[in-house]
């Protein structure tokens, strides 16, 4: 390849330097001057091409550096978010574009979240899909520090009881931590169980029609797979977005927003998040909108 390029270069220079047929150059240095000019032009052209390429590369790097960083924390065994959320991140979030770090619970020790503490200082948003885990105090402190800084959080499905133990469960071992009131304090929820596994009908909450999280979302296409959560009544200061109904059951909120702490960290939660929910374009758009709203994008 290199020899072929050399041949083409020499041939091209020779074509530029040769004189018309039947005529002799007036001076012997004319060909040398033509070659020198050609090389000068080529060097100048190469310089500008390299400059433009470097500028384009720098622009891409700056754009990537400025993209919000989302940390996704996964630790549950029921709803397959260990598969659906990485897929959602690859197809929806990175195209938005967002930078994404996925942290999965350790398979051998479900209360360990390797890499979480290291990822959080740079996190702009934390997305949680965790069920009844007691992570290390370092991990829990990282969650608390993120929220105390006024940074947003999004929770799906079992995030309502992500760090809570059941009443009869023993206290966490040394070095581990629970946050029993996370649902009420952070999410603004009131999880007390669910109505079996029947799919719920999803409707708009009164007054939520113009909310930006619902922009472009066909609510009629949403289905509450996996069972309706009992969340009534929500905490003060929440804004319900979607409601779920089942025959013979109370209407329950299935999505809402909240603000946490002195710095009013934006919180978005939905009790949807079953693997079949992720098959619905309406749900994927809804979750993507919720993330954008939390980031104020």
C-alpha atoms as a PDB file:
ATOM      1  CA  UNK A   1       0.000   0.000   0.000  1.00  0.00           C
ATOM      2  CA  UNK A   2       2.802   2.389   0.951  1.00  0.00           C
ATOM      3  CA  UNK A   3       4.744   1.717  -2.272  1.00  0.00           C
ATOM      4  CA  UNK A   4       1.607   2.244  -4.351  1.00  0.00           C
ATOM      5  CA  UNK A   5       0.985   5.616  -2.700  1.00  0.00           C
ATOM      6  CA  UNK A   6       4.621   6.577  -3.287  1.00  0.00           C
ATOM      7  CA  UNK A   7       4.293   5.674  -6.962  1.00  0.00           C
ATOM      8  CA  UNK A   8       1.117   7.746  -7.329  1.00  0.00           C
ATOM      9  CA  UNK A   9       2.747  10.698  -5.591  1.00  0.00           C
ATOM     10  CA  UNK A  10       5.822  10.596  -7.842  1.00  0.00           C
ATOM     11  CA  UNK A  11       3.661  10.189 -10.940  1.00  0.00           C
ATOM     12  CA  UNK A  12       1.457  13.116  -9.904  1.00  0.00           C
ATOM     13  CA  UNK A  13       4.470  15.345  -9.244  1.00  0.00           C
ATOM     14  CA  UNK A  14       5.974  14.322 -12.545  1.00  0.00           C
ATOM     15  CA  UNK A  15       2.780  15.250 -14.352  1.00  0.00           C
ATOM     16  CA  UNK A  16       2.803  18.686 -12.737  1.00  0.00           C
ATOM     17  CA  UNK A  17       6.474  19.250 -13.453  1.00  0.00           C
ATOM     18  CA  UNK A  18       6.714  18.104 -17.061  1.00  0.00           C
ATOM     19  CA  UNK A  19       6.718  20.645 -19.906  1.00  0.00           C
ATOM     20  CA  UNK A  20       4.430  20.538 -22.915  1.00  0.00           C
ATOM     21  CA  UNK A  21       5.444  18.094 -25.660  1.00  0.00           C
ATOM     22  CA  UNK A  22       7.910  19.511 -28.156  1.00  0.00           C
ATOM     23  CA  UNK A  23       9.110  22.284 -25.856  1.00  0.00           C
ATOM     24  CA  UNK A  24      12.215  22.353 -23.699  1.00  0.00           C
ATOM     25  CA  UNK A  25      12.381  24.136 -20.369  1.00  0.00           C
ATOM     26  CA  UNK A  26      14.163  27.437 -20.557  1.00  0.00           C
ATOM     27  CA  UNK A  27      15.971  26.797 -17.275  1.00  0.00           C
ATOM     28  CA  UNK A  28      17.021  23.589 -15.583  1.00  0.00           C
ATOM     29  CA  UNK A  29      15.648  24.659 -12.193  1.00  0.00           C
ATOM     30  CA  UNK A  30      12.074  25.130 -13.470  1.00  0.00           C
ATOM     31  CA  UNK A  31      11.108  21.536 -12.686  1.00  0.00           C
ATOM     32  CA  UNK A  32      12.678  21.838  -9.251  1.00  0.00           C
ATOM     33  CA  UNK A  33      10.684  25.020  -8.602  1.00  0.00           C
ATOM     34  CA  UNK A  34       7.445  23.316  -9.686  1.00  0.00           C
ATOM     35  CA  UNK A  35       8.148  20.372  -7.412  1.00  0.00           C
ATOM     36  CA  UNK A  36       8.937  22.706  -4.526  1.00  0.00           C
ATOM     37  CA  UNK A  37       5.664  24.596  -5.039  1.00  0.00           C
ATOM     38  CA  UNK A  38       3.750  21.330  -5.245  1.00  0.00           C
ATOM     39  CA  UNK A  39       5.225  20.087  -1.996  1.00  0.00           C
ATOM     40  CA  UNK A  40       4.467  23.424  -0.328  1.00  0.00           C
ATOM     41  CA  UNK A  41       0.827  23.234  -1.450  1.00  0.00           C
ATOM     42  CA  UNK A  42       0.530  19.642  -0.299  1.00  0.00           C
ATOM     43  CA  UNK A  43       1.973  20.485   3.110  1.00  0.00           C
ATOM     44  CA  UNK A  44      -0.438  23.385   3.458  1.00  0.00           C
ATOM     45  CA  UNK A  45      -3.380  21.197   2.428  1.00  0.00           C
ATOM     46  CA  UNK A  46      -2.354  18.466   4.868  1.00  0.00           C
ATOM     47  CA  UNK A  47      -1.981  21.019   7.668  1.00  0.00           C
ATOM     48  CA  UNK A  48      -5.500  22.379   7.224  1.00  0.00           C
ATOM     49  CA  UNK A  49      -7.027  18.919   6.899  1.00  0.00           C
ATOM     50  CA  UNK A  50      -5.287  17.836  10.084  1.00  0.00           C
ATOM     51  CA  UNK A  51      -6.418  21.035  11.802  1.00  0.00           C
ATOM     52  CA  UNK A  52     -10.050  20.470  10.802  1.00  0.00           C
ATOM     53  CA  UNK A  53      -9.884  16.817  11.884  1.00  0.00           C
ATOM     54  CA  UNK A  54      -8.436  17.794  15.252  1.00  0.00           C
ATOM     55  CA  UNK A  55     -11.130  20.443  15.731  1.00  0.00           C
ATOM     56  CA  UNK A  56     -13.864  17.942  14.896  1.00  0.00           C
ATOM     57  CA  UNK A  57     -12.404  15.386  17.302  1.00  0.00           C
ATOM     58  CA  UNK A  58     -12.109  17.996  20.048  1.00  0.00           C
ATOM     59  CA  UNK A  59     -15.721  19.042  19.461  1.00  0.00           C
ATOM     60  CA  UNK A  60     -16.907  15.445  19.830  1.00  0.00           C
ATOM     61  CA  UNK A  61     -14.888  15.030  23.020  1.00  0.00           C
ATOM     62  CA  UNK A  62     -16.271  18.257  24.490  1.00  0.00           C
ATOM     63  CA  UNK A  63     -19.818  17.232  23.597  1.00  0.00           C
ATOM     64  CA  UNK A  64     -19.304  13.850  25.273  1.00  0.00           C
ATOM     65  CA  UNK A  65     -17.814  15.499  28.352  1.00  0.00           C
ATOM     66  CA  UNK A  66     -20.773  17.877  28.624  1.00  0.00           C
ATOM     67  CA  UNK A  67     -23.390  15.122  28.299  1.00  0.00           C
ATOM     68  CA  UNK A  68     -25.122  14.432  31.643  1.00  0.00           C
ATOM     69  CA  UNK A  69     -23.856  11.360  33.447  1.00  0.00           C
ATOM     70  CA  UNK A  70     -26.487   8.864  34.607  1.00  0.00           C
ATOM     71  CA  UNK A  71     -25.629   6.133  37.102  1.00  0.00           C
ATOM     72  CA  UNK A  72     -28.045   3.185  37.052  1.00  0.00           C
ATOM     73  CA  UNK A  73     -28.130   1.104  40.243  1.00  0.00           C
ATOM     74  CA  UNK A  74     -29.643  -2.376  39.771  1.00  0.00           C
ATOM     75  CA  UNK A  75     -30.275  -4.931  42.501  1.00  0.00           C
ATOM     76  CA  UNK A  76     -33.496  -6.949  42.267  1.00  0.00           C
ATOM     77  CA  UNK A  77     -34.462 -10.514  41.347  1.00  0.00           C
ATOM     78  CA  UNK A  78     -38.055 -10.192  40.135  1.00  0.00           C
ATOM     79  CA  UNK A  79     -38.489  -7.862  37.172  1.00  0.00           C
ATOM     80  CA  UNK A  80     -35.413  -8.506  35.012  1.00  0.00           C
ATOM     81  CA  UNK A  81     -34.198  -4.924  35.067  1.00  0.00           C
ATOM     82  CA  UNK A  82     -30.666  -6.345  35.039  1.00  0.00           C
ATOM     83  CA  UNK A  83     -31.445  -6.899  31.337  1.00  0.00           C
ATOM     84  CA  UNK A  84     -34.063  -4.277  30.452  1.00  0.00           C
ATOM     85  CA  UNK A  85     -32.263  -1.256  31.899  1.00  0.00           C
ATOM     86  CA  UNK A  86     -28.888  -1.859  30.179  1.00  0.00           C
ATOM     87  CA  UNK A  87     -30.822  -2.333  26.928  1.00  0.00           C
ATOM     88  CA  UNK A  88     -32.760   0.882  27.570  1.00  0.00           C
ATOM     89  CA  UNK A  89     -29.513   2.687  28.326  1.00  0.00           C
ATOM     90  CA  UNK A  90     -27.870   1.483  25.123  1.00  0.00           C
ATOM     91  CA  UNK A  91     -30.812   2.245  22.835  1.00  0.00           C
ATOM     92  CA  UNK A  92     -32.411   5.302  24.430  1.00  0.00           C
ATOM     93  CA  UNK A  93     -30.120   7.039  26.894  1.00  0.00           C
ATOM     94  CA  UNK A  94     -26.836   6.975  24.993  1.00  0.00           C
ATOM     95  CA  UNK A  95     -28.640   8.220  21.885  1.00  0.00           C
ATOM     96  CA  UNK A  96     -30.095  11.176  23.823  1.00  0.00           C
ATOM     97  CA  UNK A  97     -27.082  11.594  24.375  1.00  0.00           C
ATOM     98  CA  UNK A  98     -26.261  10.748  27.981  1.00  0.00           C
ATOM     99  CA  UNK A  99     -23.202   9.144  29.490  1.00  0.00           C
ATOM    100  CA  UNK A 100     -24.272   6.036  31.379  1.00  0.00           C
ATOM    101  CA  UNK A 101     -22.691   3.878  34.064  1.00  0.00           C
ATOM    102  CA  UNK A 102     -24.577   0.695  34.965  1.00  0.00           C
ATOM    103  CA  UNK A 103     -23.835  -0.745  38.407  1.00  0.00           C
ATOM    104  CA  UNK A 104     -25.183  -4.231  39.103  1.00  0.00           C
ATOM    105  CA  UNK A 105     -25.359  -5.879  42.519  1.00  0.00           C
ATOM    106  CA  UNK A 106     -22.693  -8.506  43.031  1.00  0.00           C
ATOM    107  CA  UNK A 107     -24.030 -11.976  42.210  1.00  0.00           C
ATOM    108  CA  UNK A 108     -22.278 -13.547  45.201  1.00  0.00           C
ATOM    109  CA  UNK A 109     -23.192 -10.814  47.700  1.00  0.00           C
ATOM    110  CA  UNK A 110     -26.383  -8.967  46.782  1.00  0.00           C
ATOM    111  CA  UNK A 111     -25.698  -6.079  49.151  1.00  0.00           C
ATOM    112  CA  UNK A 112     -22.482  -5.177  47.351  1.00  0.00           C
ATOM    113  CA  UNK A 113     -22.541  -2.729  44.415  1.00  0.00           C
ATOM    114  CA  UNK A 114     -19.030  -2.754  42.924  1.00  0.00           C
ATOM    115  CA  UNK A 115     -18.017   0.533  41.312  1.00  0.00           C
ATOM    116  CA  UNK A 116     -20.947   2.541  42.666  1.00  0.00           C
ATOM    117  CA  UNK A 117     -19.012   4.760  45.072  1.00  0.00           C
ATOM    118  CA  UNK A 118     -16.418   5.530  42.392  1.00  0.00           C
ATOM    119  CA  UNK A 119     -19.097   6.475  39.828  1.00  0.00           C
ATOM    120  CA  UNK A 120     -21.217   8.761  41.996  1.00  0.00           C
ATOM    121  CA  UNK A 121     -19.058  11.912  42.363  1.00  0.00           C
ATOM    122  CA  UNK A 122     -19.483  12.525  38.619  1.00  0.00           C
ATOM    123  CA  UNK A 123     -23.161  11.506  38.512  1.00  0.00           C
ATOM    124  CA  UNK A 124     -25.760  14.046  37.400  1.00  0.00           C
ATOM    125  CA  UNK A 125     -28.678  11.655  37.976  1.00  0.00           C
ATOM    126  CA  UNK A 126     -29.172   8.398  39.852  1.00  0.00           C
ATOM    127  CA  UNK A 127     -31.662   5.838  38.509  1.00  0.00           C
ATOM    128  CA  UNK A 128     -32.597   3.122  41.015  1.00  0.00           C
ATOM    129  CA  UNK A 129     -34.041  -0.343  40.447  1.00  0.00           C
ATOM    130  CA  UNK A 130     -33.260  -2.070  43.736  1.00  0.00           C
ATOM    131  CA  UNK A 131     -35.376  -4.271  46.007  1.00  0.00           C
ATOM    132  CA  UNK A 132     -34.803  -4.672  49.762  1.00  0.00           C
ATOM    133  CA  UNK A 133     -31.037  -4.422  49.861  1.00  0.00           C
ATOM    134  CA  UNK A 134     -28.848  -3.099  52.655  1.00  0.00           C
ATOM    135  CA  UNK A 135     -25.763  -1.780  50.875  1.00  0.00           C
ATOM    136  CA  UNK A 136     -22.524  -0.781  52.526  1.00  0.00           C
ATOM    137  CA  UNK A 137     -22.462   2.437  54.502  1.00  0.00           C
ATOM    138  CA  UNK A 138     -20.160   3.903  51.833  1.00  0.00           C
ATOM    139  CA  UNK A 139     -22.731   3.199  49.117  1.00  0.00           C
ATOM    140  CA  UNK A 140     -25.588   4.572  51.212  1.00  0.00           C
ATOM    141  CA  UNK A 141     -23.573   7.680  52.031  1.00  0.00           C
ATOM    142  CA  UNK A 142     -22.959   8.210  48.309  1.00  0.00           C
ATOM    143  CA  UNK A 143     -26.728   8.083  47.695  1.00  0.00           C
ATOM    144  CA  UNK A 144     -27.384  10.546  50.521  1.00  0.00           C
ATOM    145  CA  UNK A 145     -24.643  12.922  49.362  1.00  0.00           C
ATOM    146  CA  UNK A 146     -26.022  12.884  45.820  1.00  0.00           C
ATOM    147  CA  UNK A 147     -29.466  13.897  47.066  1.00  0.00           C
ATOM    148  CA  UNK A 148     -28.157  16.418  49.608  1.00  0.00           C
ATOM    149  CA  UNK A 149     -26.362  18.175  46.745  1.00  0.00           C
ATOM    150  CA  UNK A 150     -29.743  18.682  45.064  1.00  0.00           C
ATOM    151  CA  UNK A 151     -29.051  16.188  42.287  1.00  0.00           C
ATOM    152  CA  UNK A 152     -32.026  14.318  40.793  1.00  0.00           C
ATOM    153  CA  UNK A 153     -33.137  10.741  41.294  1.00  0.00           C
ATOM    154  CA  UNK A 154     -35.424   8.480  39.261  1.00  0.00           C
ATOM    155  CA  UNK A 155     -36.912   5.304  40.713  1.00  0.00           C
ATOM    156  CA  UNK A 156     -38.825   2.515  39.022  1.00  0.00           C
ATOM    157  CA  UNK A 157     -40.909  -0.343  40.406  1.00  0.00           C
ATOM    158  CA  UNK A 158     -39.175  -1.767  43.516  1.00  0.00           C
ATOM    159  CA  UNK A 159     -37.291   1.459  44.219  1.00  0.00           C
ATOM    160  CA  UNK A 160     -40.169   2.193  46.610  1.00  0.00           C
ATOM    161  CA  UNK A 161     -38.696  -0.426  48.940  1.00  0.00           C
ATOM    162  CA  UNK A 162     -35.120  -0.408  47.708  1.00  0.00           C
ATOM    163  CA  UNK A 163     -33.370  -0.040  51.077  1.00  0.00           C
ATOM    164  CA  UNK A 164     -36.199  -1.107  53.411  1.00  0.00           C
ATOM    165  CA  UNK A 165     -36.351  -4.321  55.412  1.00  0.00           C
ATOM    166  CA  UNK A 166     -39.524  -6.215  56.262  1.00  0.00           C
ATOM    167  CA  UNK A 167     -40.727  -5.732  59.855  1.00  0.00           C
ATOM    168  CA  UNK A 168     -39.479  -9.135  61.073  1.00  0.00           C
ATOM    169  CA  UNK A 169     -36.134  -9.093  59.282  1.00  0.00           C
ATOM    170  CA  UNK A 170     -32.993  -8.706  61.419  1.00  0.00           C
ATOM    171  CA  UNK A 171     -31.078  -5.451  61.442  1.00  0.00           C
ATOM    172  CA  UNK A 172     -28.265  -5.054  58.893  1.00  0.00           C
ATOM    173  CA  UNK A 173     -24.874  -6.498  59.720  1.00  0.00           C
ATOM    174  CA  UNK A 174     -22.025  -4.209  60.700  1.00  0.00           C
ATOM    175  CA  UNK A 175     -20.896  -2.090  57.763  1.00  0.00           C
ATOM    176  CA  UNK A 176     -24.276  -2.297  56.012  1.00  0.00           C
ATOM    177  CA  UNK A 177     -27.092   0.260  56.095  1.00  0.00           C
ATOM    178  CA  UNK A 178     -30.835   0.476  55.580  1.00  0.00           C
ATOM    179  CA  UNK A 179     -33.009   3.495  54.768  1.00  0.00           C
ATOM    180  CA  UNK A 180     -36.439   2.454  55.928  1.00  0.00           C
ATOM    181  CA  UNK A 181     -38.083   5.814  55.193  1.00  0.00           C
ATOM    182  CA  UNK A 182     -36.591   6.262  51.703  1.00  0.00           C
ATOM    183  CA  UNK A 183     -39.974   5.793  50.010  1.00  0.00           C
ATOM    184  CA  UNK A 184     -41.770   8.441  52.059  1.00  0.00           C
ATOM    185  CA  UNK A 185     -38.880  10.871  52.455  1.00  0.00           C
ATOM    186  CA  UNK A 186     -37.299  10.791  49.006  1.00  0.00           C
ATOM    187  CA  UNK A 187     -39.896   9.442  46.591  1.00  0.00           C
ATOM    188  CA  UNK A 188     -42.929  10.872  48.355  1.00  0.00           C
ATOM    189  CA  UNK A 189     -44.614   7.469  48.211  1.00  0.00           C
ATOM    190  CA  UNK A 190     -46.432   5.184  50.601  1.00  0.00           C
ATOM    191  CA  UNK A 191     -45.778   1.608  49.475  1.00  0.00           C
ATOM    192  CA  UNK A 192     -47.693  -1.007  51.488  1.00  0.00           C
ATOM    193  CA  UNK A 193     -47.795  -3.977  49.088  1.00  0.00           C
ATOM    194  CA  UNK A 194     -49.604  -4.787  45.848  1.00  0.00           C
ATOM    195  CA  UNK A 195     -52.789  -6.290  44.424  1.00  0.00           C
ATOM    196  CA  UNK A 196     -51.539  -9.593  43.021  1.00  0.00           C
ATOM    197  CA  UNK A 197     -50.158  -9.829  39.491  1.00  0.00           C
ATOM    198  CA  UNK A 198     -53.073  -8.736  37.300  1.00  0.00           C
ATOM    199  CA  UNK A 199     -52.301  -5.990  34.779  1.00  0.00           C
ATOM    200  CA  UNK A 200     -53.745  -2.584  35.653  1.00  0.00           C
ATOM    201  CA  UNK A 201     -55.421  -0.049  33.389  1.00  0.00           C
ATOM    202  CA  UNK A 202     -53.418   3.181  33.237  1.00  0.00           C
ATOM    203  CA  UNK A 203     -55.030   6.622  32.970  1.00  0.00           C
ATOM    204  CA  UNK A 204     -53.962  10.240  33.320  1.00  0.00           C
ATOM    205  CA  UNK A 205     -54.053  11.774  36.772  1.00  0.00           C
ATOM    206  CA  UNK A 206     -56.362  14.799  36.967  1.00  0.00           C
ATOM    207  CA  UNK A 207     -54.547  17.960  35.888  1.00  0.00           C
ATOM    208  CA  UNK A 208     -51.485  16.135  34.524  1.00  0.00           C
ATOM    209  CA  UNK A 209     -52.319  16.515  30.832  1.00  0.00           C
ATOM    210  CA  UNK A 210     -49.776  19.266  30.130  1.00  0.00           C
ATOM    211  CA  UNK A 211     -46.915  17.887  32.217  1.00  0.00           C
ATOM    212  CA  UNK A 212     -43.671  17.653  30.166  1.00  0.00           C
ATOM    213  CA  UNK A 213     -43.058  14.055  31.272  1.00  0.00           C
ATOM    214  CA  UNK A 214     -46.195  13.067  29.356  1.00  0.00           C
ATOM    215  CA  UNK A 215     -45.238  14.859  26.144  1.00  0.00           C
ATOM    216  CA  UNK A 216     -45.493  12.456  23.216  1.00  0.00           C
ATOM    217  CA  UNK A 217     -46.691   9.610  25.448  1.00  0.00           C
ATOM    218  CA  UNK A 218     -49.805   7.734  24.330  1.00  0.00           C
ATOM    219  CA  UNK A 219     -51.220   6.901  27.750  1.00  0.00           C
ATOM    220  CA  UNK A 220     -53.768   4.500  26.256  1.00  0.00           C
ATOM    221  CA  UNK A 221     -50.842   2.299  25.170  1.00  0.00           C
ATOM    222  CA  UNK A 222     -49.499   1.943  28.719  1.00  0.00           C
ATOM    223  CA  UNK A 223     -50.271  -1.185  30.746  1.00  0.00           C
ATOM    224  CA  UNK A 224     -49.521  -1.754  34.411  1.00  0.00           C
ATOM    225  CA  UNK A 225     -47.875  -5.174  34.117  1.00  0.00           C
ATOM    226  CA  UNK A 226     -46.917  -7.250  37.125  1.00  0.00           C
ATOM    227  CA  UNK A 227     -49.464  -6.015  39.635  1.00  0.00           C
ATOM    228  CA  UNK A 228     -50.691  -2.666  40.913  1.00  0.00           C
ATOM    229  CA  UNK A 229     -48.786  -1.231  43.877  1.00  0.00           C
ATOM    230  CA  UNK A 230     -50.639   0.177  46.882  1.00  0.00           C
ATOM    231  CA  UNK A 231     -49.380   3.735  47.278  1.00  0.00           C
ATOM    232  CA  UNK A 232     -52.383   5.685  48.579  1.00  0.00           C
ATOM    233  CA  UNK A 233     -52.086   8.225  50.086  1.00  0.00           C
ATOM    234  CA  UNK A 234     -48.988   9.912  48.672  1.00  0.00           C
ATOM    235  CA  UNK A 235     -46.949  12.316  50.764  1.00  0.00           C
ATOM    236  CA  UNK A 236     -47.614  16.050  50.692  1.00  0.00           C
ATOM    237  CA  UNK A 237     -45.896  17.892  47.855  1.00  0.00           C
ATOM    238  CA  UNK A 238     -46.140  15.117  45.270  1.00  0.00           C
ATOM    239  CA  UNK A 239     -47.613  15.655  41.793  1.00  0.00           C
ATOM    240  CA  UNK A 240     -49.440  12.552  40.482  1.00  0.00           C
ATOM    241  CA  UNK A 241     -49.052  11.897  36.751  1.00  0.00           C
ATOM    242  CA  UNK A 242     -50.651   8.497  36.122  1.00  0.00           C
ATOM    243  CA  UNK A 243     -53.229   6.374  37.929  1.00  0.00           C
ATOM    244  CA  UNK A 244     -53.837   2.622  37.829  1.00  0.00           C
ATOM    245  CA  UNK A 245     -57.079   0.744  38.300  1.00  0.00           C
ATOM    246  CA  UNK A 246     -58.103  -2.875  38.823  1.00  0.00           C
ATOM    247  CA  UNK A 247     -61.615  -4.314  39.230  1.00  0.00           C
ATOM    248  CA  UNK A 248     -62.499  -4.335  42.918  1.00  0.00           C
ATOM    249  CA  UNK A 249     -59.454  -2.299  43.973  1.00  0.00           C
ATOM    250  CA  UNK A 250     -58.803   1.322  44.805  1.00  0.00           C
ATOM    251  CA  UNK A 251     -57.390   3.600  42.135  1.00  0.00           C
ATOM    252  CA  UNK A 252     -53.697   3.967  42.883  1.00  0.00           C
ATOM    253  CA  UNK A 253     -51.060   6.445  41.704  1.00  0.00           C
ATOM    254  CA  UNK A 254     -48.478   4.733  39.489  1.00  0.00           C
ATOM    255  CA  UNK A 255     -46.268   7.720  38.628  1.00  0.00           C
ATOM    256  CA  UNK A 256     -45.532  11.051  40.262  1.00  0.00           C
ATOM    257  CA  UNK A 257     -42.916  13.714  40.918  1.00  0.00           C
ATOM    258  CA  UNK A 258     -41.556  14.994  44.205  1.00  0.00           C
ATOM    259  CA  UNK A 259     -38.826  17.253  45.596  1.00  0.00           C
ATOM    260  CA  UNK A 260     -36.368  16.165  48.270  1.00  0.00           C
ATOM    261  CA  UNK A 261     -34.313  18.060  50.791  1.00  0.00           C
ATOM    262  CA  UNK A 262     -33.329  21.670  51.284  1.00  0.00           C
ATOM    263  CA  UNK A 263     -32.049  21.934  47.721  1.00  0.00           C
ATOM    264  CA  UNK A 264     -35.248  20.459  46.275  1.00  0.00           C
ATOM    265  CA  UNK A 265     -33.681  17.589  44.343  1.00  0.00           C
ATOM    266  CA  UNK A 266     -36.018  16.576  41.534  1.00  0.00           C
ATOM    267  CA  UNK A 267     -37.543  13.134  42.017  1.00  0.00           C
ATOM    268  CA  UNK A 268     -39.500  11.074  39.486  1.00  0.00           C
ATOM    269  CA  UNK A 269     -40.942   7.680  40.384  1.00  0.00           C
ATOM    270  CA  UNK A 270     -43.116   5.121  38.626  1.00  0.00           C
ATOM    271  CA  UNK A 271     -44.282   1.764  39.955  1.00  0.00           C
ATOM    272  CA  UNK A 272     -44.138   0.492  36.378  1.00  0.00           C
ATOM    273  CA  UNK A 273     -40.930  -1.234  35.314  1.00  0.00           C
ATOM    274  CA  UNK A 274     -41.952  -4.846  34.655  1.00  0.00           C
ATOM    275  CA  UNK A 275     -40.067  -6.442  31.745  1.00  0.00           C
ATOM    276  CA  UNK A 276     -43.204  -6.255  29.596  1.00  0.00           C
ATOM    277  CA  UNK A 277     -43.410  -2.505  30.239  1.00  0.00           C
ATOM    278  CA  UNK A 278     -40.058  -2.059  28.517  1.00  0.00           C
ATOM    279  CA  UNK A 279     -41.512  -3.659  25.387  1.00  0.00           C
ATOM    280  CA  UNK A 280     -43.906  -0.722  25.039  1.00  0.00           C
ATOM    281  CA  UNK A 281     -42.632   2.354  23.140  1.00  0.00           C
ATOM    282  CA  UNK A 282     -44.999   4.476  25.229  1.00  0.00           C
ATOM    283  CA  UNK A 283     -43.320   3.375  28.457  1.00  0.00           C
ATOM    284  CA  UNK A 284     -39.814   3.856  27.083  1.00  0.00           C
ATOM    285  CA  UNK A 285     -40.742   7.380  26.001  1.00  0.00           C
ATOM    286  CA  UNK A 286     -42.350   8.030  29.395  1.00  0.00           C
ATOM    287  CA  UNK A 287     -39.229   6.936  31.283  1.00  0.00           C
ATOM    288  CA  UNK A 288     -36.958   8.898  28.954  1.00  0.00           C
ATOM    289  CA  UNK A 289     -39.114  11.992  29.490  1.00  0.00           C
ATOM    290  CA  UNK A 290     -38.981  11.493  33.253  1.00  0.00           C
ATOM    291  CA  UNK A 291     -35.193  11.413  33.168  1.00  0.00           C
ATOM    292  CA  UNK A 292     -35.046  14.546  31.002  1.00  0.00           C
ATOM    293  CA  UNK A 293     -37.453  16.342  33.343  1.00  0.00           C
ATOM    294  CA  UNK A 294     -35.403  15.380  36.405  1.00  0.00           C
ATOM    295  CA  UNK A 295     -32.276  16.726  34.692  1.00  0.00           C
ATOM    296  CA  UNK A 296     -34.191  19.861  33.662  1.00  0.00           C
ATOM    297  CA  UNK A 297     -33.441  19.169  30.005  1.00  0.00           C
END
